Amino acid sequence: MQKDVCRSHAAFAGVLLPDFAHHKLVQARDQLLLLSQLAGSRGEGQEVEFRIAPDALAELFDRQAQYLDEVLDCVLDVPA
């Protein structure tokens, strides 16, 4: 499955984000990397079961959504 390629004007012109928005994106990325590492394989022969409480997982996703909303709220359209 191939992802669609972004062809928007902003993708070619670049988008300038305030420092706080960049920081929120970095936090979102770090949390997604943590989830990826927790969900990833443990290696051959290692049968370690990992459990995360549904409330903790919901909190993580809520935080991700909040970070991304804050970033998207500060992005302005580039004048043509």
PDB file of N, CA and C in Angstrom:
ATOM      1  N   MET A   1       0.846  -1.175   0.000  1.00  0.00           N
ATOM      2  CA  MET A   1       0.000   0.000   0.000  1.00  0.00           C
ATOM      3  C   MET A   1       0.891   1.238   0.000  1.00  0.00           C
ATOM      4  N   GLN A   2       0.642   2.120  -0.925  1.00  0.00           N
ATOM      5  CA  GLN A   2       1.446   3.331  -1.040  1.00  0.00           C
ATOM      6  C   GLN A   2       0.656   4.514  -0.498  1.00  0.00           C
ATOM      7  N   LYS A   3       1.352   5.368   0.265  1.00  0.00           N
ATOM      8  CA  LYS A   3       0.707   6.552   0.803  1.00  0.00           C
ATOM      9  C   LYS A   3       0.614   7.608  -0.285  1.00  0.00           C
ATOM     10  N   ASP A   4      -0.426   8.438  -0.195  1.00  0.00           N
ATOM     11  CA  ASP A   4      -0.562   9.551  -1.127  1.00  0.00           C
ATOM     12  C   ASP A   4       0.557  10.548  -0.894  1.00  0.00           C
ATOM     13  N   VAL A   5       1.046  11.116  -1.950  1.00  0.00           N
ATOM     14  CA  VAL A   5       2.117  12.102  -1.858  1.00  0.00           C
ATOM     15  C   VAL A   5       1.490  13.472  -1.680  1.00  0.00           C
ATOM     16  N   CYS A   6       2.027  14.232  -0.730  1.00  0.00           N
ATOM     17  CA  CYS A   6       1.517  15.575  -0.471  1.00  0.00           C
ATOM     18  C   CYS A   6       1.976  16.505  -1.587  1.00  0.00           C
ATOM     19  N   ARG A   7       1.025  17.151  -2.232  1.00  0.00           N
ATOM     20  CA  ARG A   7       1.342  18.040  -3.352  1.00  0.00           C
ATOM     21  C   ARG A   7       0.832  19.459  -3.100  1.00  0.00           C
ATOM     22  N   SER A   8       0.574  19.810  -1.845  1.00  0.00           N
ATOM     23  CA  SER A   8       0.031  21.134  -1.567  1.00  0.00           C
ATOM     24  C   SER A   8       1.092  22.213  -1.751  1.00  0.00           C
ATOM     25  N   HIS A   9       0.625  23.441  -1.975  1.00  0.00           N
ATOM     26  CA  HIS A   9       1.542  24.574  -2.137  1.00  0.00           C
ATOM     27  C   HIS A   9       2.405  24.749  -0.882  1.00  0.00           C
ATOM     28  N   ALA A  10       1.796  24.562   0.290  1.00  0.00           N
ATOM     29  CA  ALA A  10       2.533  24.736   1.542  1.00  0.00           C
ATOM     30  C   ALA A  10       3.667  23.717   1.666  1.00  0.00           C
ATOM     31  N   ALA A  11       3.479  22.527   1.101  1.00  0.00           N
ATOM     32  CA  ALA A  11       4.520  21.510   1.190  1.00  0.00           C
ATOM     33  C   ALA A  11       5.773  21.936   0.426  1.00  0.00           C
ATOM     34  N   PHE A  12       5.594  22.668  -0.656  1.00  0.00           N
ATOM     35  CA  PHE A  12       6.745  23.106  -1.435  1.00  0.00           C
ATOM     36  C   PHE A  12       7.314  24.421  -0.918  1.00  0.00           C
ATOM     37  N   ALA A  13       6.453  25.276  -0.387  1.00  0.00           N
ATOM     38  CA  ALA A  13       6.897  26.584   0.095  1.00  0.00           C
ATOM     39  C   ALA A  13       7.455  26.496   1.509  1.00  0.00           C
ATOM     40  N   GLY A  14       7.080  25.497   2.240  1.00  0.00           N
ATOM     41  CA  GLY A  14       7.508  25.371   3.627  1.00  0.00           C
ATOM     42  C   GLY A  14       6.502  26.048   4.542  1.00  0.00           C
ATOM     43  N   VAL A  15       6.488  25.649   5.780  1.00  0.00           N
ATOM     44  CA  VAL A  15       5.587  26.223   6.767  1.00  0.00           C
ATOM     45  C   VAL A  15       6.432  26.629   7.958  1.00  0.00           C
ATOM     46  N   LEU A  16       6.268  27.864   8.388  1.00  0.00           N
ATOM     47  CA  LEU A  16       6.999  28.370   9.545  1.00  0.00           C
ATOM     48  C   LEU A  16       6.133  28.197  10.779  1.00  0.00           C
ATOM     49  N   LEU A  17       6.630  27.433  11.736  1.00  0.00           N
ATOM     50  CA  LEU A  17       5.887  27.182  12.964  1.00  0.00           C
ATOM     51  C   LEU A  17       6.531  27.939  14.123  1.00  0.00           C
ATOM     52  N   PRO A  18       5.722  28.431  15.037  1.00  0.00           N
ATOM     53  CA  PRO A  18       6.285  29.012  16.248  1.00  0.00           C
ATOM     54  C   PRO A  18       7.003  27.936  17.062  1.00  0.00           C
ATOM     55  N   ASP A  19       7.883  28.373  17.952  1.00  0.00           N
ATOM     56  CA  ASP A  19       8.662  27.420  18.755  1.00  0.00           C
ATOM     57  C   ASP A  19       7.782  26.470  19.555  1.00  0.00           C
ATOM     58  N   PHE A  20       6.692  27.006  20.154  1.00  0.00           N
ATOM     59  CA  PHE A  20       5.849  26.126  20.968  1.00  0.00           C
ATOM     60  C   PHE A  20       5.202  25.047  20.108  1.00  0.00           C
ATOM     61  N   ALA A  21       4.845  25.374  18.861  1.00  0.00           N
ATOM     62  CA  ALA A  21       4.219  24.393  17.977  1.00  0.00           C
ATOM     63  C   ALA A  21       5.217  23.303  17.597  1.00  0.00           C
ATOM     64  N   HIS A  22       6.448  23.698  17.336  1.00  0.00           N
ATOM     65  CA  HIS A  22       7.488  22.712  17.039  1.00  0.00           C
ATOM     66  C   HIS A  22       7.696  21.798  18.244  1.00  0.00           C
ATOM     67  N   HIS A  23       7.700  22.380  19.429  1.00  0.00           N
ATOM     68  CA  HIS A  23       7.876  21.589  20.654  1.00  0.00           C
ATOM     69  C   HIS A  23       6.737  20.581  20.812  1.00  0.00           C
ATOM     70  N   LYS A  24       5.505  20.997  20.505  1.00  0.00           N
ATOM     71  CA  LYS A  24       4.364  20.080  20.596  1.00  0.00           C
ATOM     72  C   LYS A  24       4.500  18.935  19.597  1.00  0.00           C
ATOM     73  N   LEU A  25       4.985  19.235  18.392  1.00  0.00           N
ATOM     74  CA  LEU A  25       5.199  18.172  17.402  1.00  0.00           C
ATOM     75  C   LEU A  25       6.273  17.199  17.863  1.00  0.00           C
ATOM     76  N   VAL A  26       7.327  17.718  18.476  1.00  0.00           N
ATOM     77  CA  VAL A  26       8.386  16.851  18.997  1.00  0.00           C
ATOM     78  C   VAL A  26       7.832  15.961  20.102  1.00  0.00           C
ATOM     79  N   GLN A  27       6.997  16.503  20.984  1.00  0.00           N
ATOM     80  CA  GLN A  27       6.388  15.701  22.042  1.00  0.00           C
ATOM     81  C   GLN A  27       5.490  14.609  21.458  1.00  0.00           C
ATOM     82  N   ALA A  28       4.708  14.963  20.463  1.00  0.00           N
ATOM     83  CA  ALA A  28       3.831  13.974  19.824  1.00  0.00           C
ATOM     84  C   ALA A  28       4.662  12.865  19.186  1.00  0.00           C
ATOM     85  N   ARG A  29       5.747  13.250  18.489  1.00  0.00           N
ATOM     86  CA  ARG A  29       6.620  12.255  17.865  1.00  0.00           C
ATOM     87  C   ARG A  29       7.233  11.327  18.911  1.00  0.00           C
ATOM     88  N   ASP A  30       7.708  11.895  20.018  1.00  0.00           N
ATOM     89  CA  ASP A  30       8.341  11.092  21.058  1.00  0.00           C
ATOM     90  C   ASP A  30       7.362  10.102  21.679  1.00  0.00           C
ATOM     91  N   GLN A  31       6.128  10.529  21.878  1.00  0.00           N
ATOM     92  CA  GLN A  31       5.132   9.620  22.444  1.00  0.00           C
ATOM     93  C   GLN A  31       4.780   8.502  21.469  1.00  0.00           C
ATOM     94  N   LEU A  32       4.710   8.821  20.182  1.00  0.00           N
ATOM     95  CA  LEU A  32       4.448   7.778  19.188  1.00  0.00           C
ATOM     96  C   LEU A  32       5.614   6.804  19.098  1.00  0.00           C
ATOM     97  N   LEU A  33       6.841   7.305  19.213  1.00  0.00           N
ATOM     98  CA  LEU A  33       7.999   6.413  19.222  1.00  0.00           C
ATOM     99  C   LEU A  33       7.982   5.490  20.434  1.00  0.00           C
ATOM    100  N   LEU A  34       7.591   6.028  21.580  1.00  0.00           N
ATOM    101  CA  LEU A  34       7.481   5.206  22.788  1.00  0.00           C
ATOM    102  C   LEU A  34       6.458   4.096  22.592  1.00  0.00           C
ATOM    103  N   LEU A  35       5.302   4.429  22.053  1.00  0.00           N
ATOM    104  CA  LEU A  35       4.290   3.405  21.784  1.00  0.00           C
ATOM    105  C   LEU A  35       4.798   2.355  20.808  1.00  0.00           C
ATOM    106  N   SER A  36       5.523   2.813  19.796  1.00  0.00           N
ATOM    107  CA  SER A  36       6.087   1.891  18.808  1.00  0.00           C
ATOM    108  C   SER A  36       7.064   0.921  19.460  1.00  0.00           C
ATOM    109  N   GLN A  37       7.902   1.442  20.337  1.00  0.00           N
ATOM    110  CA  GLN A  37       8.878   0.582  21.014  1.00  0.00           C
ATOM    111  C   GLN A  37       8.193  -0.394  21.960  1.00  0.00           C
ATOM    112  N   LEU A  38       7.154   0.070  22.641  1.00  0.00           N
ATOM    113  CA  LEU A  38       6.430  -0.815  23.549  1.00  0.00           C
ATOM    114  C   LEU A  38       5.696  -1.917  22.803  1.00  0.00           C
ATOM    115  N   ALA A  39       5.184  -1.593  21.619  1.00  0.00           N
ATOM    116  CA  ALA A  39       4.413  -2.561  20.846  1.00  0.00           C
ATOM    117  C   ALA A  39       5.290  -3.447  19.974  1.00  0.00           C
ATOM    118  N   GLY A  40       6.537  -3.058  19.784  1.00  0.00           N
ATOM    119  CA  GLY A  40       7.429  -3.785  18.881  1.00  0.00           C
ATOM    120  C   GLY A  40       7.818  -5.156  19.401  1.00  0.00           C
ATOM    121  N   SER A  41       8.423  -5.916  18.518  1.00  0.00           N
ATOM    122  CA  SER A  41       8.839  -7.267  18.889  1.00  0.00           C
ATOM    123  C   SER A  41       9.969  -7.207  19.916  1.00  0.00           C
ATOM    124  N   ARG A  42      10.002  -8.203  20.741  1.00  0.00           N
ATOM    125  CA  ARG A  42      10.986  -8.265  21.818  1.00  0.00           C
ATOM    126  C   ARG A  42      12.185  -9.137  21.448  1.00  0.00           C
ATOM    127  N   GLY A  43      12.176  -9.660  20.252  1.00  0.00           N
ATOM    128  CA  GLY A  43      13.266 -10.542  19.867  1.00  0.00           C
ATOM    129  C   GLY A  43      12.813 -11.984  19.913  1.00  0.00           C
ATOM    130  N   GLU A  44      13.612 -12.816  19.336  1.00  0.00           N
ATOM    131  CA  GLU A  44      13.245 -14.221  19.242  1.00  0.00           C
ATOM    132  C   GLU A  44      13.388 -14.902  20.601  1.00  0.00           C
ATOM    133  N   GLY A  45      12.371 -15.656  20.966  1.00  0.00           N
ATOM    134  CA  GLY A  45      12.419 -16.408  22.206  1.00  0.00           C
ATOM    135  C   GLY A  45      12.010 -15.609  23.437  1.00  0.00           C
ATOM    136  N   GLN A  46      11.757 -14.347  23.293  1.00  0.00           N
ATOM    137  CA  GLN A  46      11.334 -13.533  24.433  1.00  0.00           C
ATOM    138  C   GLN A  46       9.825 -13.374  24.384  1.00  0.00           C
ATOM    139  N   GLU A  47       9.157 -14.032  25.273  1.00  0.00           N
ATOM    140  CA  GLU A  47       7.708 -13.940  25.327  1.00  0.00           C
ATOM    141  C   GLU A  47       7.315 -13.099  26.526  1.00  0.00           C
ATOM    142  N   VAL A  48       7.528 -11.813  26.407  1.00  0.00           N
ATOM    143  CA  VAL A  48       7.182 -10.881  27.465  1.00  0.00           C
ATOM    144  C   VAL A  48       5.846 -10.247  27.117  1.00  0.00           C
ATOM    145  N   GLU A  49       4.927 -10.363  28.033  1.00  0.00           N
ATOM    146  CA  GLU A  49       3.616  -9.770  27.797  1.00  0.00           C
ATOM    147  C   GLU A  49       3.602  -8.370  28.388  1.00  0.00           C
ATOM    148  N   PHE A  50       3.158  -7.435  27.593  1.00  0.00           N
ATOM    149  CA  PHE A  50       3.082  -6.048  28.042  1.00  0.00           C
ATOM    150  C   PHE A  50       1.618  -5.649  28.104  1.00  0.00           C
ATOM    151  N   ARG A  51       1.230  -5.073  29.210  1.00  0.00           N
ATOM    152  CA  ARG A  51      -0.151  -4.620  29.353  1.00  0.00           C
ATOM    153  C   ARG A  51      -0.147  -3.139  29.706  1.00  0.00           C
ATOM    154  N   ILE A  52      -1.069  -2.438  29.094  1.00  0.00           N
ATOM    155  CA  ILE A  52      -1.249  -1.029  29.410  1.00  0.00           C
ATOM    156  C   ILE A  52      -2.729  -0.816  29.693  1.00  0.00           C
ATOM    157  N   ALA A  53      -2.993  -0.079  30.737  1.00  0.00           N
ATOM    158  CA  ALA A  53      -4.381   0.164  31.132  1.00  0.00           C
ATOM    159  C   ALA A  53      -5.091   0.983  30.061  1.00  0.00           C
ATOM    160  N   PRO A  54      -6.342   0.648  29.771  1.00  0.00           N
ATOM    161  CA  PRO A  54      -7.085   1.412  28.764  1.00  0.00           C
ATOM    162  C   PRO A  54      -7.143   2.907  29.079  1.00  0.00           C
ATOM    163  N   ASP A  55      -7.244   3.266  30.352  1.00  0.00           N
ATOM    164  CA  ASP A  55      -7.277   4.686  30.720  1.00  0.00           C
ATOM    165  C   ASP A  55      -5.965   5.376  30.370  1.00  0.00           C
ATOM    166  N   ALA A  56      -4.845   4.687  30.571  1.00  0.00           N
ATOM    167  CA  ALA A  56      -3.543   5.272  30.236  1.00  0.00           C
ATOM    168  C   ALA A  56      -3.395   5.445  28.731  1.00  0.00           C
ATOM    169  N   LEU A  57      -3.863   4.468  27.977  1.00  0.00           N
ATOM    170  CA  LEU A  57      -3.807   4.554  26.523  1.00  0.00           C
ATOM    171  C   LEU A  57      -4.709   5.680  26.016  1.00  0.00           C
ATOM    172  N   ALA A  58      -5.894   5.802  26.591  1.00  0.00           N
ATOM    173  CA  ALA A  58      -6.806   6.877  26.209  1.00  0.00           C
ATOM    174  C   ALA A  58      -6.196   8.236  26.521  1.00  0.00           C
ATOM    175  N   GLU A  59      -5.534   8.370  27.661  1.00  0.00           N
ATOM    176  CA  GLU A  59      -4.870   9.624  28.027  1.00  0.00           C
ATOM    177  C   GLU A  59      -3.786   9.974  27.017  1.00  0.00           C
ATOM    178  N   LEU A  60      -3.027   8.992  26.585  1.00  0.00           N
ATOM    179  CA  LEU A  60      -1.968   9.224  25.612  1.00  0.00           C
ATOM    180  C   LEU A  60      -2.540   9.712  24.284  1.00  0.00           C
ATOM    181  N   PHE A  61      -3.591   9.080  23.816  1.00  0.00           N
ATOM    182  CA  PHE A  61      -4.210   9.502  22.560  1.00  0.00           C
ATOM    183  C   PHE A  61      -4.854  10.886  22.688  1.00  0.00           C
ATOM    184  N   ASP A  62      -5.473  11.166  23.832  1.00  0.00           N
ATOM    185  CA  ASP A  62      -6.043  12.497  24.052  1.00  0.00           C
ATOM    186  C   ASP A  62      -4.949  13.567  24.012  1.00  0.00           C
ATOM    187  N   ARG A  63      -3.812  13.272  24.620  1.00  0.00           N
ATOM    188  CA  ARG A  63      -2.695  14.208  24.621  1.00  0.00           C
ATOM    189  C   ARG A  63      -2.162  14.431  23.212  1.00  0.00           C
ATOM    190  N   GLN A  64      -2.067  13.343  22.439  1.00  0.00           N
ATOM    191  CA  GLN A  64      -1.625  13.457  21.044  1.00  0.00           C
ATOM    192  C   GLN A  64      -2.555  14.377  20.260  1.00  0.00           C
ATOM    193  N   ALA A  65      -3.849  14.167  20.409  1.00  0.00           N
ATOM    194  CA  ALA A  65      -4.828  14.979  19.693  1.00  0.00           C
ATOM    195  C   ALA A  65      -4.729  16.445  20.104  1.00  0.00           C
ATOM    196  N   GLN A  66      -4.530  16.692  21.381  1.00  0.00           N
ATOM    197  CA  GLN A  66      -4.408  18.065  21.870  1.00  0.00           C
ATOM    198  C   GLN A  66      -3.155  18.733  21.296  1.00  0.00           C
ATOM    199  N   TYR A  67      -2.035  18.028  21.294  1.00  0.00           N
ATOM    200  CA  TYR A  67      -0.795  18.581  20.736  1.00  0.00           C
ATOM    201  C   TYR A  67      -0.982  18.939  19.265  1.00  0.00           C
ATOM    202  N   LEU A  68      -1.567  18.027  18.510  1.00  0.00           N
ATOM    203  CA  LEU A  68      -1.741  18.269  17.079  1.00  0.00           C
ATOM    204  C   LEU A  68      -2.747  19.385  16.814  1.00  0.00           C
ATOM    205  N   ASP A  69      -3.798  19.479  17.629  1.00  0.00           N
ATOM    206  CA  ASP A  69      -4.747  20.580  17.486  1.00  0.00           C
ATOM    207  C   ASP A  69      -4.071  21.925  17.713  1.00  0.00           C
ATOM    208  N   GLU A  70      -3.212  22.003  18.735  1.00  0.00           N
ATOM    209  CA  GLU A  70      -2.516  23.249  19.034  1.00  0.00           C
ATOM    210  C   GLU A  70      -1.595  23.652  17.892  1.00  0.00           C
ATOM    211  N   VAL A  71      -0.947  22.669  17.282  1.00  0.00           N
ATOM    212  CA  VAL A  71      -0.054  22.967  16.152  1.00  0.00           C
ATOM    213  C   VAL A  71      -0.865  23.424  14.945  1.00  0.00           C
ATOM    214  N   LEU A  72      -1.920  22.708  14.650  1.00  0.00           N
ATOM    215  CA  LEU A  72      -2.732  23.058  13.485  1.00  0.00           C
ATOM    216  C   LEU A  72      -3.424  24.403  13.634  1.00  0.00           C
ATOM    217  N   ASP A  73      -3.753  24.765  14.858  1.00  0.00           N
ATOM    218  CA  ASP A  73      -4.392  26.065  15.088  1.00  0.00           C
ATOM    219  C   ASP A  73      -3.471  27.233  14.773  1.00  0.00           C
ATOM    220  N   CYS A  74      -2.167  27.043  14.830  1.00  0.00           N
ATOM    221  CA  CYS A  74      -1.251  28.164  14.601  1.00  0.00           C
ATOM    222  C   CYS A  74      -0.736  28.213  13.177  1.00  0.00           C
ATOM    223  N   VAL A  75      -1.044  27.205  12.351  1.00  0.00           N
ATOM    224  CA  VAL A  75      -0.583  27.204  10.978  1.00  0.00           C
ATOM    225  C   VAL A  75      -1.497  28.091  10.138  1.00  0.00           C
ATOM    226  N   LEU A  76      -0.897  29.024   9.456  1.00  0.00           N
ATOM    227  CA  LEU A  76      -1.663  29.936   8.603  1.00  0.00           C
ATOM    228  C   LEU A  76      -1.392  29.618   7.151  1.00  0.00           C
ATOM    229  N   ASP A  77      -2.374  29.909   6.304  1.00  0.00           N
ATOM    230  CA  ASP A  77      -2.184  29.712   4.862  1.00  0.00           C
ATOM    231  C   ASP A  77      -1.145  30.707   4.351  1.00  0.00           C
ATOM    232  N   VAL A  78      -0.262  30.219   3.510  1.00  0.00           N
ATOM    233  CA  VAL A  78       0.751  31.071   2.896  1.00  0.00           C
ATOM    234  C   VAL A  78       0.091  31.861   1.781  1.00  0.00           C
ATOM    235  N   PRO A  79       0.277  33.191   1.759  1.00  0.00           N
ATOM    236  CA  PRO A  79      -0.322  33.960   0.658  1.00  0.00           C
ATOM    237  C   PRO A  79       0.240  33.528  -0.691  1.00  0.00           C
ATOM    238  N   ALA A  80      -0.601  33.479  -1.695  1.00  0.00           N
ATOM    239  CA  ALA A  80      -0.185  33.031  -3.027  1.00  0.00           C
ATOM    240  C   ALA A  80       0.657  34.062  -3.725  1.00  0.00           C
TER     241      ALA A  80
END
